[in-house]
PDB file of N, CA and C in Angstrom:
ATOM      1  N   MET A   1      -8.806  -5.264 -13.038  1.00  0.00           N
ATOM      2  CA  MET A   1      -7.768  -5.970 -13.758  1.00  0.00           C
ATOM      3  C   MET A   1      -8.062  -7.737 -13.807  1.00  0.00           C
ATOM      4  N   LYS A   2      -7.747  -8.110 -14.908  1.00  0.00           N
ATOM      5  CA  LYS A   2      -8.067  -9.701 -14.878  1.00  0.00           C
ATOM      6  C   LYS A   2      -6.918 -10.349 -15.368  1.00  0.00           C
ATOM      7  N   SER A   3      -6.618 -11.467 -14.791  1.00  0.00           N
ATOM      8  CA  SER A   3      -5.520 -12.184 -15.214  1.00  0.00           C
ATOM      9  C   SER A   3      -5.897 -13.725 -15.127  1.00  0.00           C
ATOM     10  N   GLY A   4      -5.161 -14.460 -15.965  1.00  0.00           N
ATOM     11  CA  GLY A   4      -5.592 -15.814 -16.042  1.00  0.00           C
ATOM     12  C   GLY A   4      -4.427 -16.694 -15.263  1.00  0.00           C
ATOM     13  N   VAL A   5      -4.889 -17.822 -14.687  1.00  0.00           N
ATOM     14  CA  VAL A   5      -4.229 -18.665 -14.238  1.00  0.00           C
ATOM     15  C   VAL A   5      -4.537 -20.111 -14.731  1.00  0.00           C
ATOM     16  N   CYS A   6      -3.729 -20.760 -15.457  1.00  0.00           N
ATOM     17  CA  CYS A   6      -3.977 -22.045 -16.319  1.00  0.00           C
ATOM     18  C   CYS A   6      -3.429 -23.376 -15.512  1.00  0.00           C
ATOM     19  N   ALA A   7      -4.077 -24.243 -15.354  1.00  0.00           N
ATOM     20  CA  ALA A   7      -3.656 -25.583 -14.714  1.00  0.00           C
ATOM     21  C   ALA A   7      -3.844 -26.588 -15.757  1.00  0.00           C
ATOM     22  N   PRO A   8      -2.835 -27.400 -16.012  1.00  0.00           N
ATOM     23  CA  PRO A   8      -2.878 -28.416 -17.024  1.00  0.00           C
ATOM     24  C   PRO A   8      -3.748 -29.657 -16.416  1.00  0.00           C
ATOM     25  N   ASN A   9      -4.511 -30.363 -17.127  1.00  0.00           N
ATOM     26  CA  ASN A   9      -5.349 -31.397 -16.703  1.00  0.00           C
ATOM     27  C   ASN A   9      -5.108 -32.587 -17.589  1.00  0.00           C
ATOM     28  N   SER A  10      -5.308 -33.869 -17.259  1.00  0.00           N
ATOM     29  CA  SER A  10      -5.054 -34.991 -18.197  1.00  0.00           C
ATOM     30  C   SER A  10      -5.957 -34.839 -19.629  1.00  0.00           C
ATOM     31  N   PHE A  11      -7.015 -34.051 -19.676  1.00  0.00           N
ATOM     32  CA  PHE A  11      -7.788 -34.045 -20.838  1.00  0.00           C
ATOM     33  C   PHE A  11      -7.811 -32.729 -21.581  1.00  0.00           C
ATOM     34  N   SER A  12      -7.447 -31.499 -20.814  1.00  0.00           N
ATOM     35  CA  SER A  12      -7.565 -30.189 -21.375  1.00  0.00           C
ATOM     36  C   SER A  12      -7.022 -29.387 -20.451  1.00  0.00           C
ATOM     37  N   LEU A  13      -6.749 -27.914 -20.869  1.00  0.00           N
ATOM     38  CA  LEU A  13      -6.341 -27.077 -20.083  1.00  0.00           C
ATOM     39  C   LEU A  13      -7.269 -26.078 -19.560  1.00  0.00           C
ATOM     40  N   HIS A  14      -7.349 -25.860 -18.305  1.00  0.00           N
ATOM     41  CA  HIS A  14      -8.348 -25.291 -17.528  1.00  0.00           C
ATOM     42  C   HIS A  14      -7.860 -23.921 -17.151  1.00  0.00           C
ATOM     43  N   CYS A  15      -8.523 -22.754 -17.343  1.00  0.00           N
ATOM     44  CA  CYS A  15      -8.099 -21.445 -16.859  1.00  0.00           C
ATOM     45  C   CYS A  15      -8.955 -20.973 -16.114  1.00  0.00           C
ATOM     46  N   MET A  16      -8.583 -20.257 -14.984  1.00  0.00           N
ATOM     47  CA  MET A  16      -9.252 -19.617 -14.063  1.00  0.00           C
ATOM     48  C   MET A  16      -9.039 -18.073 -14.153  1.00  0.00           C
ATOM     49  N   SER A  17     -10.026 -17.171 -14.370  1.00  0.00           N
ATOM     50  CA  SER A  17      -9.834 -15.737 -14.199  1.00  0.00           C
ATOM     51  C   SER A  17      -9.831 -15.308 -12.845  1.00  0.00           C
ATOM     52  N   LEU A  18      -8.919 -14.427 -12.463  1.00  0.00           N
ATOM     53  CA  LEU A  18      -8.751 -13.711 -11.265  1.00  0.00           C
ATOM     54  C   LEU A  18      -9.039 -12.324 -11.365  1.00  0.00           C
ATOM     55  N   TYR A  19      -9.888 -11.685 -10.715  1.00  0.00           N
ATOM     56  CA  TYR A  19     -10.227 -10.235 -10.813  1.00  0.00           C
ATOM     57  C   TYR A  19      -9.788  -9.526  -9.593  1.00  0.00           C
ATOM     58  N   PHE A  20      -9.213  -8.370  -9.822  1.00  0.00           N
ATOM     59  CA  PHE A  20      -8.529  -7.476  -8.781  1.00  0.00           C
ATOM     60  C   PHE A  20      -9.150  -6.167  -9.016  1.00  0.00           C
ATOM     61  N   THR A  21      -9.690  -5.476  -8.184  1.00  0.00           N
ATOM     62  CA  THR A  21     -10.154  -4.153  -8.254  1.00  0.00           C
ATOM     63  C   THR A  21     -10.030  -3.350  -7.029  1.00  0.00           C
ATOM     64  N   SER A  22      -9.833  -2.034  -7.103  1.00  0.00           N
ATOM     65  CA  SER A  22      -9.758  -1.309  -5.951  1.00  0.00           C
ATOM     66  C   SER A  22     -11.205  -0.625  -5.824  1.00  0.00           C
ATOM     67  N   LEU A  23     -11.910  -1.002  -4.808  1.00  0.00           N
ATOM     68  CA  LEU A  23     -13.173  -0.337  -4.655  1.00  0.00           C
ATOM     69  C   LEU A  23     -12.965   1.206  -3.964  1.00  0.00           C
ATOM     70  N   ASN A  24     -12.037   1.326  -3.215  1.00  0.00           N
ATOM     71  CA  ASN A  24     -11.508   2.554  -2.718  1.00  0.00           C
ATOM     72  C   ASN A  24     -10.113   2.512  -2.183  1.00  0.00           C
ATOM     73  N   SER A  25      -9.450   3.576  -2.323  1.00  0.00           N
ATOM     74  CA  SER A  25      -8.132   3.651  -1.757  1.00  0.00           C
ATOM     75  C   SER A  25      -7.713   5.123  -1.312  1.00  0.00           C
ATOM     76  N   GLY A  26      -7.296   5.280   0.025  1.00  0.00           N
ATOM     77  CA  GLY A  26      -7.044   6.544   0.436  1.00  0.00           C
ATOM     78  C   GLY A  26      -7.286   6.623   1.978  1.00  0.00           C
ATOM     79  N   SER A  27      -6.965   7.827   2.571  1.00  0.00           N
ATOM     80  CA  SER A  27      -7.173   8.016   3.893  1.00  0.00           C
ATOM     81  C   SER A  27      -8.776   7.955   4.270  1.00  0.00           C
ATOM     82  N   ASN A  28      -9.647   8.074   3.209  1.00  0.00           N
ATOM     83  CA  ASN A  28     -11.107   7.905   3.589  1.00  0.00           C
ATOM     84  C   ASN A  28     -11.647   6.642   3.463  1.00  0.00           C
ATOM     85  N   GLY A  29     -10.695   5.557   3.155  1.00  0.00           N
ATOM     86  CA  GLY A  29     -11.169   4.153   3.307  1.00  0.00           C
ATOM     87  C   GLY A  29     -10.497   3.482   2.206  1.00  0.00           C
ATOM     88  N   ASN A  30      -9.964   2.134   2.463  1.00  0.00           N
ATOM     89  CA  ASN A  30      -9.384   1.283   1.699  1.00  0.00           C
ATOM     90  C   ASN A  30     -10.172   0.025   1.719  1.00  0.00           C
ATOM     91  N   CYS A  31     -10.371  -0.427   0.304  1.00  0.00           N
ATOM     92  CA  CYS A  31     -11.102  -1.723   0.213  1.00  0.00           C
ATOM     93  C   CYS A  31     -10.788  -2.182  -1.205  1.00  0.00           C
ATOM     94  N   TYR A  32     -10.400  -3.587  -1.210  1.00  0.00           N
ATOM     95  CA  TYR A  32      -9.834  -4.195  -2.486  1.00  0.00           C
ATOM     96  C   TYR A  32     -10.775  -5.421  -2.856  1.00  0.00           C
ATOM     97  N   TYR A  33     -11.167  -5.912  -3.912  1.00  0.00           N
ATOM     98  CA  TYR A  33     -11.729  -7.057  -4.200  1.00  0.00           C
ATOM     99  C   TYR A  33     -10.754  -7.935  -5.064  1.00  0.00           C
ATOM    100  N   ILE A  34     -10.721  -9.079  -4.550  1.00  0.00           N
ATOM    101  CA  ILE A  34      -9.956 -10.128  -5.263  1.00  0.00           C
ATOM    102  C   ILE A  34     -10.780 -11.223  -5.451  1.00  0.00           C
ATOM    103  N   GLY A  35     -11.025 -11.732  -6.613  1.00  0.00           N
ATOM    104  CA  GLY A  35     -11.911 -12.956  -6.654  1.00  0.00           C
ATOM    105  C   GLY A  35     -11.718 -13.598  -8.120  1.00  0.00           C
ATOM    106  N   ASN A  36     -12.647 -14.737  -8.154  1.00  0.00           N
ATOM    107  CA  ASN A  36     -12.707 -15.528  -9.355  1.00  0.00           C
ATOM    108  C   ASN A  36     -14.252 -15.647  -9.853  1.00  0.00           C
ATOM    109  N   ASP A  37     -14.536 -16.645 -10.627  1.00  0.00           N
ATOM    110  CA  ASP A  37     -15.948 -16.456 -11.077  1.00  0.00           C
ATOM    111  C   ASP A  37     -16.800 -17.300  -9.939  1.00  0.00           C
ATOM    112  N   ARG A  38     -16.198 -17.960  -8.932  1.00  0.00           N
ATOM    113  CA  ARG A  38     -16.948 -18.551  -7.882  1.00  0.00           C
ATOM    114  C   ARG A  38     -16.859 -17.898  -6.504  1.00  0.00           C
ATOM    115  N   GLU A  39     -15.685 -17.549  -5.978  1.00  0.00           N
ATOM    116  CA  GLU A  39     -15.550 -16.840  -4.666  1.00  0.00           C
ATOM    117  C   GLU A  39     -14.542 -15.591  -4.845  1.00  0.00           C
ATOM    118  N   ALA A  40     -14.681 -14.821  -3.625  1.00  0.00           N
ATOM    119  CA  ALA A  40     -13.687 -13.674  -3.539  1.00  0.00           C
ATOM    120  C   ALA A  40     -13.477 -13.260  -2.089  1.00  0.00           C
ATOM    121  N   VAL A  41     -12.488 -12.500  -1.962  1.00  0.00           N
ATOM    122  CA  VAL A  41     -12.219 -11.894  -0.730  1.00  0.00           C
ATOM    123  C   VAL A  41     -12.078 -10.450  -0.823  1.00  0.00           C
ATOM    124  N   LEU A  42     -12.189  -9.748   0.313  1.00  0.00           N
ATOM    125  CA  LEU A  42     -12.084  -8.326   0.260  1.00  0.00           C
ATOM    126  C   LEU A  42     -10.759  -7.991   1.152  1.00  0.00           C
ATOM    127  N   VAL A  43      -9.803  -7.252   0.627  1.00  0.00           N
ATOM    128  CA  VAL A  43      -8.608  -6.936   1.523  1.00  0.00           C
ATOM    129  C   VAL A  43      -8.902  -5.520   1.982  1.00  0.00           C
ATOM    130  N   ASP A  44      -9.196  -5.495   3.370  1.00  0.00           N
ATOM    131  CA  ASP A  44      -9.578  -4.278   4.054  1.00  0.00           C
ATOM    132  C   ASP A  44     -10.946  -4.011   3.823  1.00  0.00           C
ATOM    133  N   ALA A  45     -11.678  -3.326   4.634  1.00  0.00           N
ATOM    134  CA  ALA A  45     -12.936  -2.836   4.587  1.00  0.00           C
ATOM    135  C   ALA A  45     -13.166  -1.517   5.165  1.00  0.00           C
ATOM    136  N   GLY A  46     -12.526  -0.492   4.498  1.00  0.00           N
ATOM    137  CA  GLY A  46     -12.513   0.763   5.288  1.00  0.00           C
ATOM    138  C   GLY A  46     -13.537   1.828   4.690  1.00  0.00           C
ATOM    139  N   ILE A  47     -14.517   1.076   3.958  1.00  0.00           N
ATOM    140  CA  ILE A  47     -15.736   2.124   3.383  1.00  0.00           C
ATOM    141  C   ILE A  47     -16.969   1.118   4.215  1.00  0.00           C
ATOM    142  N   SER A  48     -17.990   1.842   4.302  1.00  0.00           N
ATOM    143  CA  SER A  48     -19.194   1.302   4.842  1.00  0.00           C
ATOM    144  C   SER A  48     -19.852   0.111   3.829  1.00  0.00           C
ATOM    145  N   CYS A  49     -20.445  -0.699   4.618  1.00  0.00           N
ATOM    146  CA  CYS A  49     -20.999  -1.894   3.934  1.00  0.00           C
ATOM    147  C   CYS A  49     -21.812  -1.401   2.690  1.00  0.00           C
ATOM    148  N   ARG A  50     -22.820  -0.369   2.804  1.00  0.00           N
ATOM    149  CA  ARG A  50     -23.608   0.013   1.907  1.00  0.00           C
ATOM    150  C   ARG A  50     -22.822   0.437   0.706  1.00  0.00           C
ATOM    151  N   GLU A  51     -21.721   1.256   1.018  1.00  0.00           N
ATOM    152  CA  GLU A  51     -21.034   1.873  -0.200  1.00  0.00           C
ATOM    153  C   GLU A  51     -20.085   0.769  -0.897  1.00  0.00           C
ATOM    154  N   THR A  52     -19.524  -0.222  -0.221  1.00  0.00           N
ATOM    155  CA  THR A  52     -18.994  -1.441  -0.543  1.00  0.00           C
ATOM    156  C   THR A  52     -19.766  -2.233  -1.657  1.00  0.00           C
ATOM    157  N   GLU A  53     -21.224  -2.490  -1.135  1.00  0.00           N
ATOM    158  CA  GLU A  53     -22.072  -3.101  -2.093  1.00  0.00           C
ATOM    159  C   GLU A  53     -22.549  -2.274  -3.180  1.00  0.00           C
ATOM    160  N   ARG A  54     -22.561  -1.072  -3.010  1.00  0.00           N
ATOM    161  CA  ARG A  54     -22.818   0.028  -4.225  1.00  0.00           C
ATOM    162  C   ARG A  54     -21.770  -0.196  -5.285  1.00  0.00           C
ATOM    163  N   ARG A  55     -20.515   0.064  -4.835  1.00  0.00           N
ATOM    164  CA  ARG A  55     -19.359   0.032  -5.680  1.00  0.00           C
ATOM    165  C   ARG A  55     -19.187  -1.382  -6.423  1.00  0.00           C
ATOM    166  N   MET A  56     -19.398  -2.414  -5.798  1.00  0.00           N
ATOM    167  CA  MET A  56     -19.267  -3.738  -6.369  1.00  0.00           C
ATOM    168  C   MET A  56     -20.402  -3.978  -7.287  1.00  0.00           C
ATOM    169  N   SER A  57     -21.662  -3.456  -7.101  1.00  0.00           N
ATOM    170  CA  SER A  57     -22.731  -3.607  -7.947  1.00  0.00           C
ATOM    171  C   SER A  57     -22.531  -2.796  -9.204  1.00  0.00           C
ATOM    172  N   ARG A  58     -22.042  -1.619  -9.025  1.00  0.00           N
ATOM    173  CA  ARG A  58     -21.586  -0.816 -10.256  1.00  0.00           C
ATOM    174  C   ARG A  58     -20.512  -1.635 -11.211  1.00  0.00           C
ATOM    175  N   LEU A  59     -19.847  -2.452 -10.671  1.00  0.00           N
ATOM    176  CA  LEU A  59     -18.866  -2.981 -11.435  1.00  0.00           C
ATOM    177  C   LEU A  59     -19.154  -4.478 -11.855  1.00  0.00           C
ATOM    178  N   GLY A  60     -20.543  -4.929 -11.425  1.00  0.00           N
ATOM    179  CA  GLY A  60     -20.921  -6.278 -11.796  1.00  0.00           C
ATOM    180  C   GLY A  60     -20.385  -7.373 -10.849  1.00  0.00           C
ATOM    181  N   LEU A  61     -19.971  -7.121  -9.740  1.00  0.00           N
ATOM    182  CA  LEU A  61     -19.512  -7.918  -8.839  1.00  0.00           C
ATOM    183  C   LEU A  61     -20.431  -8.217  -7.781  1.00  0.00           C
ATOM    184  N   ASP A  62     -20.492  -9.578  -7.429  1.00  0.00           N
ATOM    185  CA  ASP A  62     -21.515 -10.208  -6.518  1.00  0.00           C
ATOM    186  C   ASP A  62     -20.999 -10.239  -5.105  1.00  0.00           C
ATOM    187  N   MET A  63     -21.682  -9.481  -4.068  1.00  0.00           N
ATOM    188  CA  MET A  63     -21.180  -9.695  -2.659  1.00  0.00           C
ATOM    189  C   MET A  63     -21.383 -11.012  -2.103  1.00  0.00           C
ATOM    190  N   GLY A  64     -22.347 -11.765  -2.675  1.00  0.00           N
ATOM    191  CA  GLY A  64     -22.491 -13.174  -2.321  1.00  0.00           C
ATOM    192  C   GLY A  64     -21.346 -14.070  -2.503  1.00  0.00           C
ATOM    193  N   LYS A  65     -20.475 -13.529  -3.300  1.00  0.00           N
ATOM    194  CA  LYS A  65     -19.107 -14.495  -3.617  1.00  0.00           C
ATOM    195  C   LYS A  65     -18.089 -14.136  -2.544  1.00  0.00           C
ATOM    196  N   VAL A  66     -18.288 -13.127  -1.881  1.00  0.00           N
ATOM    197  CA  VAL A  66     -17.160 -12.759  -0.834  1.00  0.00           C
ATOM    198  C   VAL A  66     -17.234 -13.592   0.450  1.00  0.00           C
ATOM    199  N   LYS A  67     -16.225 -14.263   0.574  1.00  0.00           N
ATOM    200  CA  LYS A  67     -16.171 -15.433   1.629  1.00  0.00           C
ATOM    201  C   LYS A  67     -15.430 -14.924   2.934  1.00  0.00           C
ATOM    202  N   ALA A  68     -14.588 -13.901   2.862  1.00  0.00           N
ATOM    203  CA  ALA A  68     -13.749 -13.418   3.908  1.00  0.00           C
ATOM    204  C   ALA A  68     -13.410 -11.846   3.632  1.00  0.00           C
ATOM    205  N   ILE A  69     -12.872 -11.263   4.821  1.00  0.00           N
ATOM    206  CA  ILE A  69     -12.028 -10.284   4.715  1.00  0.00           C
ATOM    207  C   ILE A  69     -10.810 -10.374   5.334  1.00  0.00           C
ATOM    208  N   VAL A  70      -9.640  -9.899   4.579  1.00  0.00           N
ATOM    209  CA  VAL A  70      -8.215  -9.871   5.061  1.00  0.00           C
ATOM    210  C   VAL A  70      -7.824  -8.558   5.328  1.00  0.00           C
ATOM    211  N   VAL A  71      -7.684  -8.380   6.704  1.00  0.00           N
ATOM    212  CA  VAL A  71      -7.389  -6.987   7.437  1.00  0.00           C
ATOM    213  C   VAL A  71      -5.900  -6.779   7.194  1.00  0.00           C
ATOM    214  N   SER A  72      -5.270  -5.654   6.597  1.00  0.00           N
ATOM    215  CA  SER A  72      -3.875  -5.493   6.603  1.00  0.00           C
ATOM    216  C   SER A  72      -3.395  -4.967   8.006  1.00  0.00           C
ATOM    217  N   HIS A  73      -4.264  -4.108   8.588  1.00  0.00           N
ATOM    218  CA  HIS A  73      -3.848  -3.434   9.721  1.00  0.00           C
ATOM    219  C   HIS A  73      -4.983  -2.777  10.378  1.00  0.00           C
ATOM    220  N   GLU A  74      -5.118  -2.419  11.695  1.00  0.00           N
ATOM    221  CA  GLU A  74      -6.434  -2.117  12.231  1.00  0.00           C
ATOM    222  C   GLU A  74      -6.493  -0.473  12.312  1.00  0.00           C
ATOM    223  N   HIS A  75      -6.090   0.291  11.368  1.00  0.00           N
ATOM    224  CA  HIS A  75      -6.459   1.772  11.278  1.00  0.00           C
ATOM    225  C   HIS A  75      -7.811   1.832  10.764  1.00  0.00           C
ATOM    226  N   VAL A  76      -8.560   2.958  11.164  1.00  0.00           N
ATOM    227  CA  VAL A  76      -9.931   2.935  10.800  1.00  0.00           C
ATOM    228  C   VAL A  76     -10.205   3.116   9.221  1.00  0.00           C
ATOM    229  N   ASP A  77      -9.341   3.539   8.649  1.00  0.00           N
ATOM    230  CA  ASP A  77      -9.596   3.641   7.117  1.00  0.00           C
ATOM    231  C   ASP A  77      -9.296   2.262   6.511  1.00  0.00           C
ATOM    232  N   HIS A  78      -9.136   1.075   7.276  1.00  0.00           N
ATOM    233  CA  HIS A  78      -8.931  -0.131   6.735  1.00  0.00           C
ATOM    234  C   HIS A  78      -9.928  -1.047   7.285  1.00  0.00           C
ATOM    235  N   ILE A  79     -10.788  -0.559   8.327  1.00  0.00           N
ATOM    236  CA  ILE A  79     -11.791  -1.575   9.091  1.00  0.00           C
ATOM    237  C   ILE A  79     -13.178  -0.841   9.304  1.00  0.00           C
ATOM    238  N   ARG A  80     -13.387   0.259   8.938  1.00  0.00           N
ATOM    239  CA  ARG A  80     -14.644   1.060   9.018  1.00  0.00           C
ATOM    240  C   ARG A  80     -15.867   0.129   8.804  1.00  0.00           C
ATOM    241  N   GLY A  81     -15.864  -0.516   7.784  1.00  0.00           N
ATOM    242  CA  GLY A  81     -17.069  -1.335   7.185  1.00  0.00           C
ATOM    243  C   GLY A  81     -17.260  -2.794   7.842  1.00  0.00           C
ATOM    244  N   ILE A  82     -16.278  -3.141   8.722  1.00  0.00           N
ATOM    245  CA  ILE A  82     -16.135  -4.642   9.317  1.00  0.00           C
ATOM    246  C   ILE A  82     -17.517  -4.796  10.171  1.00  0.00           C
ATOM    247  N   PRO A  83     -17.826  -3.890  11.036  1.00  0.00           N
ATOM    248  CA  PRO A  83     -18.870  -4.278  12.111  1.00  0.00           C
ATOM    249  C   PRO A  83     -20.153  -4.689  11.160  1.00  0.00           C
ATOM    250  N   VAL A  84     -20.711  -4.036  10.327  1.00  0.00           N
ATOM    251  CA  VAL A  84     -21.822  -4.256   9.569  1.00  0.00           C
ATOM    252  C   VAL A  84     -21.586  -5.331   8.537  1.00  0.00           C
ATOM    253  N   LEU A  85     -20.359  -5.375   7.664  1.00  0.00           N
ATOM    254  CA  LEU A  85     -20.213  -6.435   6.950  1.00  0.00           C
ATOM    255  C   LEU A  85     -20.282  -7.798   7.514  1.00  0.00           C
ATOM    256  N   SER A  86     -19.637  -7.878   8.760  1.00  0.00           N
ATOM    257  CA  SER A  86     -19.460  -9.159   9.464  1.00  0.00           C
ATOM    258  C   SER A  86     -20.867  -9.536   9.998  1.00  0.00           C
ATOM    259  N   LYS A  87     -21.681  -8.624  10.251  1.00  0.00           N
ATOM    260  CA  LYS A  87     -23.135  -8.806  10.803  1.00  0.00           C
ATOM    261  C   LYS A  87     -24.077  -9.406   9.749  1.00  0.00           C
ATOM    262  N   ASN A  88     -23.888  -8.645   8.611  1.00  0.00           N
ATOM    263  CA  ASN A  88     -24.839  -9.058   7.456  1.00  0.00           C
ATOM    264  C   ASN A  88     -24.363  -9.834   6.491  1.00  0.00           C
ATOM    265  N   THR A  89     -23.082 -10.083   6.181  1.00  0.00           N
ATOM    266  CA  THR A  89     -22.702 -10.577   4.924  1.00  0.00           C
ATOM    267  C   THR A  89     -21.662 -11.574   5.272  1.00  0.00           C
ATOM    268  N   ILE A  90     -20.463 -11.148   5.670  1.00  0.00           N
ATOM    269  CA  ILE A  90     -19.251 -11.979   5.764  1.00  0.00           C
ATOM    270  C   ILE A  90     -18.833 -12.420   7.347  1.00  0.00           C
ATOM    271  N   SER A  91     -18.792 -13.890   7.413  1.00  0.00           N
ATOM    272  CA  SER A  91     -18.646 -14.364   8.666  1.00  0.00           C
ATOM    273  C   SER A  91     -17.044 -14.707   9.056  1.00  0.00           C
ATOM    274  N   CYS A  92     -16.242 -14.565   8.223  1.00  0.00           N
ATOM    275  CA  CYS A  92     -14.775 -15.030   8.176  1.00  0.00           C
ATOM    276  C   CYS A  92     -13.953 -13.540   8.064  1.00  0.00           C
ATOM    277  N   ILE A  93     -13.158 -13.155   9.148  1.00  0.00           N
ATOM    278  CA  ILE A  93     -12.077 -12.131   8.940  1.00  0.00           C
ATOM    279  C   ILE A  93     -10.830 -12.665   9.515  1.00  0.00           C
ATOM    280  N   TYR A  94      -9.829 -12.251   8.627  1.00  0.00           N
ATOM    281  CA  TYR A  94      -8.493 -12.656   8.935  1.00  0.00           C
ATOM    282  C   TYR A  94      -7.636 -11.420   9.285  1.00  0.00           C
ATOM    283  N   TYR A  95      -7.152 -11.691  10.494  1.00  0.00           N
ATOM    284  CA  TYR A  95      -6.156 -10.611  11.003  1.00  0.00           C
ATOM    285  C   TYR A  95      -5.114 -11.066  11.782  1.00  0.00           C
ATOM    286  N   ARG A  96      -3.898 -10.889  11.633  1.00  0.00           N
ATOM    287  CA  ARG A  96      -2.855 -11.423  12.382  1.00  0.00           C
ATOM    288  C   ARG A  96      -2.577 -10.492  13.552  1.00  0.00           C
ATOM    289  N   GLY A  97      -2.774  -9.279  13.483  1.00  0.00           N
ATOM    290  CA  GLY A  97      -2.540  -8.378  14.623  1.00  0.00           C
ATOM    291  C   GLY A  97      -1.075  -8.199  14.954  1.00  0.00           C
ATOM    292  N   TYR A  98      -0.786  -7.363  15.826  1.00  0.00           N
ATOM    293  CA  TYR A  98       0.606  -7.122  16.066  1.00  0.00           C
ATOM    294  C   TYR A  98       1.084  -8.156  17.301  1.00  0.00           C
ATOM    295  N   PRO A  99       2.312  -8.399  17.146  1.00  0.00           N
ATOM    296  CA  PRO A  99       2.635  -9.387  18.343  1.00  0.00           C
ATOM    297  C   PRO A  99       2.636  -8.835  19.538  1.00  0.00           C
ATOM    298  N   PRO A 100       2.507  -9.567  20.662  1.00  0.00           N
ATOM    299  CA  PRO A 100       2.491  -8.954  22.113  1.00  0.00           C
ATOM    300  C   PRO A 100       3.869  -8.445  22.306  1.00  0.00           C
ATOM    301  N   ALA A 101       3.929  -7.326  23.028  1.00  0.00           N
ATOM    302  CA  ALA A 101       5.187  -6.661  23.427  1.00  0.00           C
ATOM    303  C   ALA A 101       5.978  -7.592  24.491  1.00  0.00           C
TER     304      ALA A 101
END
């Protein structure tokens, strides 16, 4: 899915494309890509690093643009790929966690 966000400028109107795609969704792993032409984030990383890279490549998406992973919650189908992704590719992971009891 592609949508445009435009911001007026004193000289012209600049538009930024925003890409959103599901790399996988389901109990076997969840992973979503949200990005523009310069950078991106993954929402969840429930599939392996290799599978994430393979699916992104098939869609013409560049893993080098991914700056962070946003984790919705810590079930294995949302975090399976994080250990390898954080070691090889992505150094920033956002997770709020559950509040202390």
